[in-house]
C-alpha atoms as a PDB file:
ATOM      1  CA  MET A   1     114.141-103.142 -85.765  1.00  0.00           C
ATOM      2  CA  SER A   2     115.277-100.852 -82.948  1.00  0.00           C
ATOM      3  CA  LYS A   3     112.908 -98.876 -80.745  1.00  0.00           C
ATOM      4  CA  SER A   4     114.235 -95.583 -82.142  1.00  0.00           C
ATOM      5  CA  ALA A   5     113.391 -96.631 -85.705  1.00  0.00           C
ATOM      6  CA  LYS A   6     109.870 -97.609 -84.641  1.00  0.00           C
ATOM      7  CA  ALA A   7     109.364 -94.382 -82.716  1.00  0.00           C
ATOM      8  CA  GLY A   8     110.418 -92.193 -85.629  1.00  0.00           C
ATOM      9  CA  ASP A   9     114.188 -91.876 -85.782  1.00  0.00           C
ATOM     10  CA  PRO A  10     115.005 -88.317 -86.960  1.00  0.00           C
ATOM     11  CA  ALA A  11     118.051 -89.638 -88.803  1.00  0.00           C
ATOM     12  CA  LYS A  12     115.709 -91.583 -91.086  1.00  0.00           C
ATOM     13  CA  GLY A  13     113.831 -88.483 -92.239  1.00  0.00           C
ATOM     14  CA  SER A  14     110.709 -89.218 -90.223  1.00  0.00           C
ATOM     15  CA  LEU A  15     110.488 -85.708 -88.755  1.00  0.00           C
ATOM     16  CA  PRO A  16     107.628 -83.627 -90.104  1.00  0.00           C
ATOM     17  CA  PHE A  17     108.851 -80.949 -92.513  1.00  0.00           C
ATOM     18  CA  GLU A  18     107.860 -78.070 -90.257  1.00  0.00           C
ATOM     19  CA  GLU A  19     109.680 -79.547 -87.250  1.00  0.00           C
ATOM     20  CA  ALA A  20     112.840 -80.236 -89.257  1.00  0.00           C
ATOM     21  CA  LEU A  21     112.781 -76.700 -90.657  1.00  0.00           C
ATOM     22  CA  GLN A  22     112.293 -75.191 -87.195  1.00  0.00           C
ATOM     23  CA  LYS A  23     115.225 -77.198 -85.822  1.00  0.00           C
ATOM     24  CA  LEU A  24     117.350 -76.163 -88.797  1.00  0.00           C
ATOM     25  CA  GLU A  25     116.558 -72.506 -88.159  1.00  0.00           C
ATOM     26  CA  GLY A  26     117.604 -72.989 -84.525  1.00  0.00           C
ATOM     27  CA  VAL A  27     120.907 -74.536 -85.590  1.00  0.00           C
ATOM     28  CA  VAL A  28     121.623 -71.651 -87.958  1.00  0.00           C
ATOM     29  CA  GLU A  29     120.761 -69.045 -85.328  1.00  0.00           C
ATOM     30  CA  ALA A  30     122.980 -70.759 -82.758  1.00  0.00           C
ATOM     31  CA  MET A  31     125.885 -70.949 -85.190  1.00  0.00           C
ATOM     32  CA  GLU A  32     125.528 -67.273 -86.086  1.00  0.00           C
ATOM     33  CA  ALA A  33     125.018 -65.969 -82.545  1.00  0.00           C
ATOM     34  CA  ASP A  34     127.292 -68.081 -80.359  1.00  0.00           C
ATOM     35  CA  ASP A  35     131.042 -67.974 -80.102  1.00  0.00           C
ATOM     36  CA  LEU A  36     131.348 -71.753 -80.220  1.00  0.00           C
ATOM     37  CA  PRO A  37     134.486 -73.869 -80.320  1.00  0.00           C
ATOM     38  CA  LEU A  38     135.268 -75.555 -83.617  1.00  0.00           C
ATOM     39  CA  GLU A  39     134.082 -78.981 -82.434  1.00  0.00           C
ATOM     40  CA  SER A  40     130.665 -77.574 -81.498  1.00  0.00           C
ATOM     41  CA  LEU A  41     130.370 -75.742 -84.794  1.00  0.00           C
ATOM     42  CA  LEU A  42     131.177 -78.929 -86.696  1.00  0.00           C
ATOM     43  CA  ALA A  43     128.583 -80.909 -84.719  1.00  0.00           C
ATOM     44  CA  ARG A  44     125.940 -78.269 -85.419  1.00  0.00           C
ATOM     45  CA  TYR A  45     126.925 -78.166 -89.085  1.00  0.00           C
ATOM     46  CA  GLU A  46     126.472 -81.952 -89.305  1.00  0.00           C
ATOM     47  CA  GLU A  47     123.069 -81.689 -87.630  1.00  0.00           C
ATOM     48  CA  GLY A  48     122.093 -78.884 -89.998  1.00  0.00           C
ATOM     49  CA  ALA A  49     123.171 -80.906 -93.031  1.00  0.00           C
ATOM     50  CA  ARG A  50     121.034 -83.842 -91.825  1.00  0.00           C
ATOM     51  CA  LEU A  51     118.042 -81.538 -91.328  1.00  0.00           C
ATOM     52  CA  VAL A  52     118.517 -79.977 -94.779  1.00  0.00           C
ATOM     53  CA  LYS A  53     118.433 -83.453 -96.312  1.00  0.00           C
ATOM     54  CA  ILE A  54     115.203 -84.274 -94.467  1.00  0.00           C
ATOM     55  CA  CYS A  55     113.592 -81.021 -95.657  1.00  0.00           C
ATOM     56  CA  GLN A  56     114.708 -81.615 -99.249  1.00  0.00           C
ATOM     57  CA  GLU A  57     113.295 -85.150 -99.215  1.00  0.00           C
ATOM     58  CA  LYS A  58     109.947 -83.947 -97.825  1.00  0.00           C
ATOM     59  CA  LEU A  59     109.746 -81.194-100.460  1.00  0.00           C
ATOM     60  CA  ALA A  60     110.595 -83.655-103.241  1.00  0.00           C
ATOM     61  CA  GLU A  61     107.816 -85.986-102.035  1.00  0.00           C
ATOM     62  CA  ALA A  62     105.321 -83.129-101.996  1.00  0.00           C
ATOM     63  CA  GLU A  63     106.389 -81.969-105.466  1.00  0.00           C
ATOM     64  CA  LEU A  64     105.941 -85.488-106.830  1.00  0.00           C
ATOM     65  CA  LYS A  65     102.424 -85.705-105.402  1.00  0.00           C
ATOM     66  CA  ILE A  66     101.529 -82.340-106.907  1.00  0.00           C
ATOM     67  CA  GLN A  67     102.874 -83.394-110.311  1.00  0.00           C
ATOM     68  CA  GLN A  68     100.686 -86.500-110.155  1.00  0.00           C
ATOM     69  CA  LEU A  69      97.498 -84.494-109.767  1.00  0.00           C
ATOM     70  CA  GLU A  70      95.363 -84.561-112.845  1.00  0.00           C
ATOM     71  CA  GLN A  71      92.219 -82.569-113.475  1.00  0.00           C
ATOM     72  CA  ASN A  72      89.363 -84.643-114.844  1.00  0.00           C
ATOM     73  CA  ALA A  73      86.550 -83.449-117.086  1.00  0.00           C
ATOM     74  CA  ALA A  74      84.360 -82.429-114.133  1.00  0.00           C
ATOM     75  CA  GLY A  75      87.081 -80.114-112.864  1.00  0.00           C
ATOM     76  CA  GLU A  76      87.943 -82.386-109.939  1.00  0.00           C
ATOM     77  CA  PHE A  77      91.494 -83.300-109.154  1.00  0.00           C
ATOM     78  CA  LYS A  78      92.565 -86.879-108.687  1.00  0.00           C
ATOM     79  CA  LEU A  79      95.882 -88.578-108.182  1.00  0.00           C
ATOM     80  CA  LYS A  80      97.054 -90.413-111.265  1.00  0.00           C
ATOM     81  CA  PRO A  81      99.149 -93.557-110.757  1.00  0.00           C
ATOM     82  CA  PHE A  82     102.861 -93.817-111.400  1.00  0.00           C
ATOM     83  CA  ALA A  83     103.863 -95.371-114.712  1.00  0.00           C
ATOM     84  CA  ALA A  84     105.578 -98.134-112.714  1.00  0.00           C
ATOM     85  CA  GLU A  85     102.256 -98.978-111.036  1.00  0.00           C
ATOM     86  CA  ILE A  86     100.522 -99.266-114.419  1.00  0.00           C
ATOM     87  CA  GLU A  87     103.107-101.711-115.763  1.00  0.00           C
ATOM     88  CA  GLY A  88     102.545-104.129-112.817  1.00  0.00           C
END
């Protein structure tokens, strides 16, 4: 395993959601404000697409966790296991 993968390689989606979103906003602002050459625009578009994917994955993970919450009789919330975990 490479050092970058251990340290949290952004290409692997290890950026926190808020950081990825902030970087994405910066990319969009730069693309809208600057008069960049085509090559620079394409590079920023690729970076933006990677950041969008990271944000979507983080949101999907959060949505899944929320869907797993189950209220018990005492009104407390607990995480219910995946069906795949039950089958084990």
